[in-house]
Amino acid sequence: MNQQKLPNATAVLVLGIVSIVGCCCYGLLGLIAGIIALVLYNKDNALYQQNPTLYSDYNNLKTGRILSIIGIALSALYILAIIISGFVLGWDALTNQELMQERLQDFQNR
């Protein structure tokens, strides 16, 4: 029997990789790519579960899912770190480097 490739297995794998790399872009790119990868994974997984002998790229699909979960977690942690630093140091200090240095000096002198 001639096995077909799952339609979105490669896309899920690529989006999983992009979600890990994209977590460095303030977390938004990684979060978006990871969520899209999980949605595509769910579609292809349902297709695979209906007839497993018909498709061959299931390992790429599982790997992409794992990478997208890691990317979502890293992106969420990065966004959380930005929010916490915004509350601790002040939102204006995040955009002004001199003010950021002053606030950090104040924390070190305590």
PDB file of N, CA and C in Angstrom:
ATOM      1  N   MET A   1       0.836  -1.175   0.000  1.00  0.00           N
ATOM      2  CA  MET A   1       0.000   0.000   0.000  1.00  0.00           C
ATOM      3  C   MET A   1       0.883   1.240   0.000  1.00  0.00           C
ATOM      4  N   ASN A   2       0.527   2.200  -0.815  1.00  0.00           N
ATOM      5  CA  ASN A   2       1.285   3.432  -0.940  1.00  0.00           C
ATOM      6  C   ASN A   2       0.843   4.421   0.144  1.00  0.00           C
ATOM      7  N   GLN A   3       1.770   4.776   1.040  1.00  0.00           N
ATOM      8  CA  GLN A   3       1.434   5.672   2.138  1.00  0.00           C
ATOM      9  C   GLN A   3       1.589   7.125   1.704  1.00  0.00           C
ATOM     10  N   GLN A   4       0.686   7.956   2.157  1.00  0.00           N
ATOM     11  CA  GLN A   4       0.731   9.386   1.886  1.00  0.00           C
ATOM     12  C   GLN A   4       1.349  10.112   3.071  1.00  0.00           C
ATOM     13  N   LYS A   5       1.853  11.299   2.793  1.00  0.00           N
ATOM     14  CA  LYS A   5       2.318  12.140   3.894  1.00  0.00           C
ATOM     15  C   LYS A   5       1.129  12.905   4.458  1.00  0.00           C
ATOM     16  N   LEU A   6       1.163  13.152   5.748  1.00  0.00           N
ATOM     17  CA  LEU A   6       0.122  13.963   6.372  1.00  0.00           C
ATOM     18  C   LEU A   6       0.206  15.382   5.806  1.00  0.00           C
ATOM     19  N   PRO A   7      -0.923  16.019   5.534  1.00  0.00           N
ATOM     20  CA  PRO A   7      -0.901  17.304   4.836  1.00  0.00           C
ATOM     21  C   PRO A   7      -0.147  18.426   5.561  1.00  0.00           C
ATOM     22  N   ASN A   8      -0.208  18.458   6.875  1.00  0.00           N
ATOM     23  CA  ASN A   8       0.397  19.582   7.612  1.00  0.00           C
ATOM     24  C   ASN A   8       1.548  19.167   8.519  1.00  0.00           C
ATOM     25  N   ALA A   9       2.094  17.980   8.363  1.00  0.00           N
ATOM     26  CA  ALA A   9       3.145  17.514   9.270  1.00  0.00           C
ATOM     27  C   ALA A   9       4.386  18.382   9.185  1.00  0.00           C
ATOM     28  N   THR A  10       4.792  18.738   7.975  1.00  0.00           N
ATOM     29  CA  THR A  10       5.974  19.584   7.822  1.00  0.00           C
ATOM     30  C   THR A  10       5.703  20.987   8.342  1.00  0.00           C
ATOM     31  N   ALA A  11       4.507  21.491   8.111  1.00  0.00           N
ATOM     32  CA  ALA A  11       4.158  22.825   8.609  1.00  0.00           C
ATOM     33  C   ALA A  11       4.161  22.871  10.132  1.00  0.00           C
ATOM     34  N   VAL A  12       3.666  21.813  10.751  1.00  0.00           N
ATOM     35  CA  VAL A  12       3.667  21.755  12.220  1.00  0.00           C
ATOM     36  C   VAL A  12       5.099  21.732  12.738  1.00  0.00           C
ATOM     37  N   LEU A  13       5.969  20.986  12.081  1.00  0.00           N
ATOM     38  CA  LEU A  13       7.369  20.914  12.498  1.00  0.00           C
ATOM     39  C   LEU A  13       8.050  22.274  12.351  1.00  0.00           C
ATOM     40  N   VAL A  14       7.834  22.931  11.225  1.00  0.00           N
ATOM     41  CA  VAL A  14       8.449  24.246  10.994  1.00  0.00           C
ATOM     42  C   VAL A  14       7.899  25.284  11.970  1.00  0.00           C
ATOM     43  N   LEU A  15       6.597  25.281  12.185  1.00  0.00           N
ATOM     44  CA  LEU A  15       6.011  26.228  13.135  1.00  0.00           C
ATOM     45  C   LEU A  15       6.467  25.954  14.565  1.00  0.00           C
ATOM     46  N   GLY A  16       6.708  24.697  14.899  1.00  0.00           N
ATOM     47  CA  GLY A  16       7.246  24.377  16.216  1.00  0.00           C
ATOM     48  C   GLY A  16       8.636  24.958  16.414  1.00  0.00           C
ATOM     49  N   ILE A  17       9.462  24.873  15.369  1.00  0.00           N
ATOM     50  CA  ILE A  17      10.811  25.456  15.433  1.00  0.00           C
ATOM     51  C   ILE A  17      10.721  26.972  15.511  1.00  0.00           C
ATOM     52  N   VAL A  18       9.830  27.567  14.705  1.00  0.00           N
ATOM     53  CA  VAL A  18       9.649  29.022  14.721  1.00  0.00           C
ATOM     54  C   VAL A  18       9.145  29.491  16.081  1.00  0.00           C
ATOM     55  N   SER A  19       8.325  28.688  16.733  1.00  0.00           N
ATOM     56  CA  SER A  19       7.814  29.098  18.043  1.00  0.00           C
ATOM     57  C   SER A  19       8.927  29.146  19.088  1.00  0.00           C
ATOM     58  N   ILE A  20       9.903  28.264  18.975  1.00  0.00           N
ATOM     59  CA  ILE A  20      11.024  28.314  19.919  1.00  0.00           C
ATOM     60  C   ILE A  20      11.919  29.509  19.626  1.00  0.00           C
ATOM     61  N   VAL A  21      12.232  29.722  18.355  1.00  0.00           N
ATOM     62  CA  VAL A  21      13.076  30.857  17.982  1.00  0.00           C
ATOM     63  C   VAL A  21      12.332  32.171  18.206  1.00  0.00           C
ATOM     64  N   GLY A  22      11.028  32.169  17.952  1.00  0.00           N
ATOM     65  CA  GLY A  22      10.228  33.377  18.067  1.00  0.00           C
ATOM     66  C   GLY A  22       9.957  33.834  19.482  1.00  0.00           C
ATOM     67  N   CYS A  23      10.278  33.025  20.459  1.00  0.00           N
ATOM     68  CA  CYS A  23      10.046  33.464  21.840  1.00  0.00           C
ATOM     69  C   CYS A  23      10.968  34.628  22.195  1.00  0.00           C
ATOM     70  N   CYS A  24      12.018  34.835  21.431  1.00  0.00           N
ATOM     71  CA  CYS A  24      12.924  35.957  21.675  1.00  0.00           C
ATOM     72  C   CYS A  24      12.368  37.277  21.154  1.00  0.00           C
ATOM     73  N   CYS A  25      11.319  37.236  20.361  1.00  0.00           N
ATOM     74  CA  CYS A  25      10.690  38.445  19.806  1.00  0.00           C
ATOM     75  C   CYS A  25       9.559  38.893  20.714  1.00  0.00           C
ATOM     76  N   TYR A  26       9.892  39.199  21.953  1.00  0.00           N
ATOM     77  CA  TYR A  26       8.942  39.604  22.982  1.00  0.00           C
ATOM     78  C   TYR A  26       7.879  38.552  23.245  1.00  0.00           C
ATOM     79  N   GLY A  27       8.098  37.340  22.803  1.00  0.00           N
ATOM     80  CA  GLY A  27       7.206  36.237  23.091  1.00  0.00           C
ATOM     81  C   GLY A  27       5.996  36.122  22.186  1.00  0.00           C
ATOM     82  N   LEU A  28       5.655  37.165  21.470  1.00  0.00           N
ATOM     83  CA  LEU A  28       4.433  37.156  20.672  1.00  0.00           C
ATOM     84  C   LEU A  28       4.530  36.235  19.464  1.00  0.00           C
ATOM     85  N   LEU A  29       5.621  36.309  18.727  1.00  0.00           N
ATOM     86  CA  LEU A  29       5.783  35.473  17.541  1.00  0.00           C
ATOM     87  C   LEU A  29       5.789  33.998  17.923  1.00  0.00           C
ATOM     88  N   GLY A  30       6.469  33.656  18.989  1.00  0.00           N
ATOM     89  CA  GLY A  30       6.515  32.278  19.444  1.00  0.00           C
ATOM     90  C   GLY A  30       5.166  31.774  19.903  1.00  0.00           C
ATOM     91  N   LEU A  31       4.420  32.617  20.567  1.00  0.00           N
ATOM     92  CA  LEU A  31       3.092  32.245  21.045  1.00  0.00           C
ATOM     93  C   LEU A  31       2.140  32.003  19.877  1.00  0.00           C
ATOM     94  N   ILE A  32       2.156  32.887  18.907  1.00  0.00           N
ATOM     95  CA  ILE A  32       1.276  32.757  17.745  1.00  0.00           C
ATOM     96  C   ILE A  32       1.632  31.524  16.927  1.00  0.00           C
ATOM     97  N   ALA A  33       2.931  31.336  16.643  1.00  0.00           N
ATOM     98  CA  ALA A  33       3.357  30.177  15.847  1.00  0.00           C
ATOM     99  C   ALA A  33       3.057  28.871  16.571  1.00  0.00           C
ATOM    100  N   GLY A  34       3.238  28.841  17.876  1.00  0.00           N
ATOM    101  CA  GLY A  34       2.967  27.633  18.643  1.00  0.00           C
ATOM    102  C   GLY A  34       1.490  27.261  18.656  1.00  0.00           C
ATOM    103  N   ILE A  35       0.636  28.263  18.782  1.00  0.00           N
ATOM    104  CA  ILE A  35      -0.796  27.999  18.793  1.00  0.00           C
ATOM    105  C   ILE A  35      -1.262  27.501  17.422  1.00  0.00           C
ATOM    106  N   ILE A  36      -0.764  28.125  16.365  1.00  0.00           N
ATOM    107  CA  ILE A  36      -1.124  27.671  15.014  1.00  0.00           C
ATOM    108  C   ILE A  36      -0.651  26.236  14.795  1.00  0.00           C
ATOM    109  N   ALA A  37       0.551  25.928  15.265  1.00  0.00           N
ATOM    110  CA  ALA A  37       1.077  24.566  15.115  1.00  0.00           C
ATOM    111  C   ALA A  37       0.214  23.553  15.851  1.00  0.00           C
ATOM    112  N   LEU A  38      -0.261  23.894  17.035  1.00  0.00           N
ATOM    113  CA  LEU A  38      -1.117  22.964  17.779  1.00  0.00           C
ATOM    114  C   LEU A  38      -2.467  22.755  17.099  1.00  0.00           C
ATOM    115  N   VAL A  39      -3.007  23.806  16.505  1.00  0.00           N
ATOM    116  CA  VAL A  39      -4.277  23.669  15.780  1.00  0.00           C
ATOM    117  C   VAL A  39      -4.097  22.745  14.575  1.00  0.00           C
ATOM    118  N   LEU A  40      -3.010  22.949  13.829  1.00  0.00           N
ATOM    119  CA  LEU A  40      -2.740  22.088  12.676  1.00  0.00           C
ATOM    120  C   LEU A  40      -2.447  20.650  13.114  1.00  0.00           C
ATOM    121  N   TYR A  41      -1.776  20.504  14.254  1.00  0.00           N
ATOM    122  CA  TYR A  41      -1.514  19.172  14.789  1.00  0.00           C
ATOM    123  C   TYR A  41      -2.821  18.439  15.080  1.00  0.00           C
ATOM    124  N   ASN A  42      -3.763  19.127  15.705  1.00  0.00           N
ATOM    125  CA  ASN A  42      -5.036  18.481  16.042  1.00  0.00           C
ATOM    126  C   ASN A  42      -5.773  17.998  14.801  1.00  0.00           C
ATOM    127  N   LYS A  43      -5.730  18.788  13.731  1.00  0.00           N
ATOM    128  CA  LYS A  43      -6.385  18.379  12.482  1.00  0.00           C
ATOM    129  C   LYS A  43      -5.725  17.139  11.897  1.00  0.00           C
ATOM    130  N   ASP A  44      -4.392  17.157  11.804  1.00  0.00           N
ATOM    131  CA  ASP A  44      -3.682  16.015  11.218  1.00  0.00           C
ATOM    132  C   ASP A  44      -3.726  14.792  12.117  1.00  0.00           C
ATOM    133  N   ASN A  45      -3.718  14.992  13.418  1.00  0.00           N
ATOM    134  CA  ASN A  45      -3.794  13.857  14.331  1.00  0.00           C
ATOM    135  C   ASN A  45      -5.142  13.145  14.194  1.00  0.00           C
ATOM    136  N   ALA A  46      -6.210  13.918  14.057  1.00  0.00           N
ATOM    137  CA  ALA A  46      -7.528  13.312  13.858  1.00  0.00           C
ATOM    138  C   ALA A  46      -7.560  12.530  12.543  1.00  0.00           C
ATOM    139  N   LEU A  47      -6.928  13.069  11.519  1.00  0.00           N
ATOM    140  CA  LEU A  47      -6.864  12.396  10.227  1.00  0.00           C
ATOM    141  C   LEU A  47      -6.067  11.098  10.332  1.00  0.00           C
ATOM    142  N   TYR A  48      -4.955  11.157  11.062  1.00  0.00           N
ATOM    143  CA  TYR A  48      -4.118   9.975  11.236  1.00  0.00           C
ATOM    144  C   TYR A  48      -4.831   8.904  12.063  1.00  0.00           C
ATOM    145  N   GLN A  49      -5.535   9.305  13.097  1.00  0.00           N
ATOM    146  CA  GLN A  49      -6.205   8.340  13.970  1.00  0.00           C
ATOM    147  C   GLN A  49      -7.337   7.607  13.255  1.00  0.00           C
ATOM    148  N   GLN A  50      -7.910   8.201  12.227  1.00  0.00           N
ATOM    149  CA  GLN A  50      -8.959   7.536  11.465  1.00  0.00           C
ATOM    150  C   GLN A  50      -8.418   6.354  10.680  1.00  0.00           C
ATOM    151  N   ASN A  51      -7.206   6.524  10.109  1.00  0.00           N
ATOM    152  CA  ASN A  51      -6.611   5.449   9.315  1.00  0.00           C
ATOM    153  C   ASN A  51      -5.087   5.532   9.399  1.00  0.00           C
ATOM    154  N   PRO A  52      -4.474   4.949  10.436  1.00  0.00           N
ATOM    155  CA  PRO A  52      -3.028   5.075  10.647  1.00  0.00           C
ATOM    156  C   PRO A  52      -2.169   4.428   9.558  1.00  0.00           C
ATOM    157  N   THR A  53      -2.667   3.424   8.887  1.00  0.00           N
ATOM    158  CA  THR A  53      -1.853   2.747   7.881  1.00  0.00           C
ATOM    159  C   THR A  53      -1.744   3.545   6.586  1.00  0.00           C
ATOM    160  N   LEU A  54      -2.540   4.578   6.440  1.00  0.00           N
ATOM    161  CA  LEU A  54      -2.560   5.356   5.206  1.00  0.00           C
ATOM    162  C   LEU A  54      -1.499   6.456   5.192  1.00  0.00           C
ATOM    163  N   TYR A  55      -1.006   6.868   6.370  1.00  0.00           N
ATOM    164  CA  TYR A  55      -0.111   8.026   6.453  1.00  0.00           C
ATOM    165  C   TYR A  55       1.239   7.640   7.046  1.00  0.00           C
ATOM    166  N   SER A  56       2.279   8.436   6.674  1.00  0.00           N
ATOM    167  CA  SER A  56       3.636   8.055   7.064  1.00  0.00           C
ATOM    168  C   SER A  56       4.388   9.097   7.892  1.00  0.00           C
ATOM    169  N   ASP A  57       3.961  10.328   7.980  1.00  0.00           N
ATOM    170  CA  ASP A  57       4.736  11.395   8.630  1.00  0.00           C
ATOM    171  C   ASP A  57       4.351  11.640  10.081  1.00  0.00           C
ATOM    172  N   TYR A  58       3.907  10.662  10.785  1.00  0.00           N
ATOM    173  CA  TYR A  58       3.408  10.891  12.137  1.00  0.00           C
ATOM    174  C   TYR A  58       4.518  11.311  13.103  1.00  0.00           C
ATOM    175  N   ASN A  59       5.747  10.836  12.901  1.00  0.00           N
ATOM    176  CA  ASN A  59       6.848  11.232  13.790  1.00  0.00           C
ATOM    177  C   ASN A  59       7.154  12.721  13.671  1.00  0.00           C
ATOM    178  N   ASN A  60       7.115  13.264  12.453  1.00  0.00           N
ATOM    179  CA  ASN A  60       7.308  14.708  12.283  1.00  0.00           C
ATOM    180  C   ASN A  60       6.197  15.482  12.972  1.00  0.00           C
ATOM    181  N   LEU A  61       5.004  14.963  12.908  1.00  0.00           N
ATOM    182  CA  LEU A  61       3.858  15.617  13.544  1.00  0.00           C
ATOM    183  C   LEU A  61       4.028  15.652  15.061  1.00  0.00           C
ATOM    184  N   LYS A  62       4.443  14.538  15.653  1.00  0.00           N
ATOM    185  CA  LYS A  62       4.643  14.491  17.108  1.00  0.00           C
ATOM    186  C   LYS A  62       5.789  15.410  17.535  1.00  0.00           C
ATOM    187  N   THR A  63       6.865  15.434  16.748  1.00  0.00           N
ATOM    188  CA  THR A  63       8.002  16.291  17.072  1.00  0.00           C
ATOM    189  C   THR A  63       7.601  17.760  17.005  1.00  0.00           C
ATOM    190  N   GLY A  64       6.840  18.127  15.994  1.00  0.00           N
ATOM    191  CA  GLY A  64       6.363  19.506  15.874  1.00  0.00           C
ATOM    192  C   GLY A  64       5.479  19.902  17.035  1.00  0.00           C
ATOM    193  N   ARG A  65       4.674  18.971  17.514  1.00  0.00           N
ATOM    194  CA  ARG A  65       3.810  19.245  18.669  1.00  0.00           C
ATOM    195  C   ARG A  65       4.646  19.517  19.912  1.00  0.00           C
ATOM    196  N   ILE A  66       5.654  18.700  20.137  1.00  0.00           N
ATOM    197  CA  ILE A  66       6.516  18.884  21.309  1.00  0.00           C
ATOM    198  C   ILE A  66       7.243  20.219  21.229  1.00  0.00           C
ATOM    199  N   LEU A  67       7.763  20.547  20.044  1.00  0.00           N
ATOM    200  CA  LEU A  67       8.470  21.821  19.875  1.00  0.00           C
ATOM    201  C   LEU A  67       7.538  23.011  20.071  1.00  0.00           C
ATOM    202  N   SER A  68       6.310  22.888  19.594  1.00  0.00           N
ATOM    203  CA  SER A  68       5.385  24.006  19.761  1.00  0.00           C
ATOM    204  C   SER A  68       4.980  24.180  21.217  1.00  0.00           C
ATOM    205  N   ILE A  69       4.845  23.108  21.961  1.00  0.00           N
ATOM    206  CA  ILE A  69       4.540  23.224  23.393  1.00  0.00           C
ATOM    207  C   ILE A  69       5.698  23.890  24.132  1.00  0.00           C
ATOM    208  N   ILE A  70       6.925  23.513  23.794  1.00  0.00           N
ATOM    209  CA  ILE A  70       8.100  24.144  24.408  1.00  0.00           C
ATOM    210  C   ILE A  70       8.150  25.624  24.036  1.00  0.00           C
ATOM    211  N   GLY A  71       7.880  25.946  22.766  1.00  0.00           N
ATOM    212  CA  GLY A  71       7.889  27.336  22.317  1.00  0.00           C
ATOM    213  C   GLY A  71       6.828  28.172  23.004  1.00  0.00           C
ATOM    214  N   ILE A  72       5.638  27.605  23.197  1.00  0.00           N
ATOM    215  CA  ILE A  72       4.573  28.328  23.897  1.00  0.00           C
ATOM    216  C   ILE A  72       4.970  28.571  25.348  1.00  0.00           C
ATOM    217  N   ALA A  73       5.564  27.574  25.984  1.00  0.00           N
ATOM    218  CA  ALA A  73       5.976  27.733  27.381  1.00  0.00           C
ATOM    219  C   ALA A  73       7.065  28.805  27.520  1.00  0.00           C
ATOM    220  N   LEU A  74       8.062  28.780  26.630  1.00  0.00           N
ATOM    221  CA  LEU A  74       9.123  29.793  26.688  1.00  0.00           C
ATOM    222  C   LEU A  74       8.577  31.184  26.403  1.00  0.00           C
ATOM    223  N   SER A  75       7.673  31.284  25.440  1.00  0.00           N
ATOM    224  CA  SER A  75       7.072  32.582  25.118  1.00  0.00           C
ATOM    225  C   SER A  75       6.249  33.115  26.287  1.00  0.00           C
ATOM    226  N   ALA A  76       5.497  32.235  26.919  1.00  0.00           N
ATOM    227  CA  ALA A  76       4.696  32.658  28.060  1.00  0.00           C
ATOM    228  C   ALA A  76       5.590  33.120  29.208  1.00  0.00           C
ATOM    229  N   LEU A  77       6.690  32.420  29.448  1.00  0.00           N
ATOM    230  CA  LEU A  77       7.623  32.843  30.499  1.00  0.00           C
ATOM    231  C   LEU A  77       8.259  34.191  30.173  1.00  0.00           C
ATOM    232  N   TYR A  78       8.579  34.396  28.892  1.00  0.00           N
ATOM    233  CA  TYR A  78       9.179  35.673  28.486  1.00  0.00           C
ATOM    234  C   TYR A  78       8.185  36.816  28.667  1.00  0.00           C
ATOM    235  N   ILE A  79       6.944  36.603  28.265  1.00  0.00           N
ATOM    236  CA  ILE A  79       5.922  37.633  28.440  1.00  0.00           C
ATOM    237  C   ILE A  79       5.697  37.908  29.924  1.00  0.00           C
ATOM    238  N   LEU A  80       5.679  36.862  30.737  1.00  0.00           N
ATOM    239  CA  LEU A  80       5.522  37.028  32.179  1.00  0.00           C
ATOM    240  C   LEU A  80       6.686  37.816  32.781  1.00  0.00           C
ATOM    241  N   ALA A  81       7.905  37.553  32.298  1.00  0.00           N
ATOM    242  CA  ALA A  81       9.071  38.292  32.795  1.00  0.00           C
ATOM    243  C   ALA A  81       8.985  39.766  32.428  1.00  0.00           C
ATOM    244  N   ILE A  82       8.485  40.069  31.234  1.00  0.00           N
ATOM    245  CA  ILE A  82       8.319  41.468  30.835  1.00  0.00           C
ATOM    246  C   ILE A  82       7.288  42.153  31.728  1.00  0.00           C
ATOM    247  N   ILE A  83       6.195  41.477  31.996  1.00  0.00           N
ATOM    248  CA  ILE A  83       5.146  42.067  32.827  1.00  0.00           C
ATOM    249  C   ILE A  83       5.642  42.293  34.250  1.00  0.00           C
ATOM    250  N   ILE A  84       6.341  41.311  34.811  1.00  0.00           N
ATOM    251  CA  ILE A  84       6.861  41.459  36.175  1.00  0.00           C
ATOM    252  C   ILE A  84       7.884  42.584  36.252  1.00  0.00           C
ATOM    253  N   SER A  85       8.792  42.651  35.275  1.00  0.00           N
ATOM    254  CA  SER A  85       9.782  43.730  35.300  1.00  0.00           C
ATOM    255  C   SER A  85       9.119  45.084  35.091  1.00  0.00           C
ATOM    256  N   GLY A  86       8.020  45.108  34.351  1.00  0.00           N
ATOM    257  CA  GLY A  86       7.289  46.362  34.186  1.00  0.00           C
ATOM    258  C   GLY A  86       6.677  46.840  35.490  1.00  0.00           C
ATOM    259  N   PHE A  87       6.175  45.911  36.285  1.00  0.00           N
ATOM    260  CA  PHE A  87       5.601  46.295  37.576  1.00  0.00           C
ATOM    261  C   PHE A  87       6.676  46.623  38.611  1.00  0.00           C
ATOM    262  N   VAL A  88       7.774  45.896  38.580  1.00  0.00           N
ATOM    263  CA  VAL A  88       8.823  46.111  39.583  1.00  0.00           C
ATOM    264  C   VAL A  88       9.624  47.378  39.283  1.00  0.00           C
ATOM    265  N   LEU A  89      10.052  47.538  38.035  1.00  0.00           N
ATOM    266  CA  LEU A  89      10.895  48.676  37.685  1.00  0.00           C
ATOM    267  C   LEU A  89      10.108  49.872  37.178  1.00  0.00           C
ATOM    268  N   GLY A  90       8.902  49.637  36.746  1.00  0.00           N
ATOM    269  CA  GLY A  90       8.084  50.710  36.177  1.00  0.00           C
ATOM    270  C   GLY A  90       8.102  50.631  34.663  1.00  0.00           C
ATOM    271  N   TRP A  91       6.950  50.906  34.072  1.00  0.00           N
ATOM    272  CA  TRP A  91       6.841  50.802  32.614  1.00  0.00           C
ATOM    273  C   TRP A  91       7.698  51.834  31.900  1.00  0.00           C
ATOM    274  N   ASP A  92       7.872  53.012  32.509  1.00  0.00           N
ATOM    275  CA  ASP A  92       8.684  54.038  31.868  1.00  0.00           C
ATOM    276  C   ASP A  92      10.164  53.659  31.853  1.00  0.00           C
ATOM    277  N   ALA A  93      10.610  52.870  32.801  1.00  0.00           N
ATOM    278  CA  ALA A  93      12.007  52.457  32.841  1.00  0.00           C
ATOM    279  C   ALA A  93      12.328  51.432  31.759  1.00  0.00           C
ATOM    280  N   LEU A  94      11.335  50.723  31.284  1.00  0.00           N
ATOM    281  CA  LEU A  94      11.575  49.746  30.229  1.00  0.00           C
ATOM    282  C   LEU A  94      11.919  50.406  28.901  1.00  0.00           C
ATOM    283  N   THR A  95      11.513  51.649  28.719  1.00  0.00           N
ATOM    284  CA  THR A  95      11.798  52.343  27.464  1.00  0.00           C
ATOM    285  C   THR A  95      12.925  53.360  27.589  1.00  0.00           C
ATOM    286  N   ASN A  96      13.319  53.726  28.790  1.00  0.00           N
ATOM    287  CA  ASN A  96      14.356  54.724  29.012  1.00  0.00           C
ATOM    288  C   ASN A  96      15.542  54.048  29.693  1.00  0.00           C
ATOM    289  N   GLN A  97      16.659  53.959  28.988  1.00  0.00           N
ATOM    290  CA  GLN A  97      17.815  53.227  29.489  1.00  0.00           C
ATOM    291  C   GLN A  97      18.436  53.897  30.717  1.00  0.00           C
ATOM    292  N   GLU A  98      18.493  55.214  30.725  1.00  0.00           N
ATOM    293  CA  GLU A  98      19.081  55.902  31.874  1.00  0.00           C
ATOM    294  C   GLU A  98      18.239  55.702  33.131  1.00  0.00           C
ATOM    295  N   LEU A  99      16.938  55.780  32.974  1.00  0.00           N
ATOM    296  CA  LEU A  99      16.046  55.557  34.114  1.00  0.00           C
ATOM    297  C   LEU A  99      16.142  54.111  34.604  1.00  0.00           C
ATOM    298  N   MET A 100      16.313  53.185  33.680  1.00  0.00           N
ATOM    299  CA  MET A 100      16.476  51.774  34.047  1.00  0.00           C
ATOM    300  C   MET A 100      17.741  51.583  34.884  1.00  0.00           C
ATOM    301  N   GLN A 101      18.826  52.222  34.479  1.00  0.00           N
ATOM    302  CA  GLN A 101      20.072  52.101  35.243  1.00  0.00           C
ATOM    303  C   GLN A 101      19.927  52.704  36.638  1.00  0.00           C
ATOM    304  N   GLU A 102      19.225  53.818  36.740  1.00  0.00           N
ATOM    305  CA  GLU A 102      19.005  54.434  38.046  1.00  0.00           C
ATOM    306  C   GLU A 102      18.188  53.518  38.957  1.00  0.00           C
ATOM    307  N   ARG A 103      17.132  52.940  38.418  1.00  0.00           N
ATOM    308  CA  ARG A 103      16.300  52.048  39.223  1.00  0.00           C
ATOM    309  C   ARG A 103      17.052  50.802  39.649  1.00  0.00           C
ATOM    310  N   LEU A 104      17.869  50.265  38.765  1.00  0.00           N
ATOM    311  CA  LEU A 104      18.682  49.093  39.122  1.00  0.00           C
ATOM    312  C   LEU A 104      19.709  49.438  40.187  1.00  0.00           C
ATOM    313  N   GLN A 105      20.294  50.638  40.117  1.00  0.00           N
ATOM    314  CA  GLN A 105      21.221  51.082  41.155  1.00  0.00           C
ATOM    315  C   GLN A 105      20.510  51.211  42.509  1.00  0.00           C
ATOM    316  N   ASP A 106      19.269  51.710  42.471  1.00  0.00           N
ATOM    317  CA  ASP A 106      18.497  51.825  43.710  1.00  0.00           C
ATOM    318  C   ASP A 106      18.240  50.450  44.325  1.00  0.00           C
ATOM    319  N   PHE A 107      17.945  49.454  43.482  1.00  0.00           N
ATOM    320  CA  PHE A 107      17.713  48.115  44.017  1.00  0.00           C
ATOM    321  C   PHE A 107      19.001  47.509  44.580  1.00  0.00           C
ATOM    322  N   GLN A 108      20.134  47.810  43.970  1.00  0.00           N
ATOM    323  CA  GLN A 108      21.394  47.258  44.460  1.00  0.00           C
ATOM    324  C   GLN A 108      21.814  47.912  45.774  1.00  0.00           C
ATOM    325  N   ASN A 109      21.468  49.168  45.976  1.00  0.00           N
ATOM    326  CA  ASN A 109      21.874  49.889  47.179  1.00  0.00           C
ATOM    327  C   ASN A 109      20.975  49.577  48.382  1.00  0.00           C
ATOM    328  N   ARG A 110      19.903  48.872  48.200  1.00  0.00           N
ATOM    329  CA  ARG A 110      19.007  48.552  49.317  1.00  0.00           C
ATOM    330  C   ARG A 110      19.575  47.535  50.225  1.00  0.00           C
TER     331      ARG A 110
END
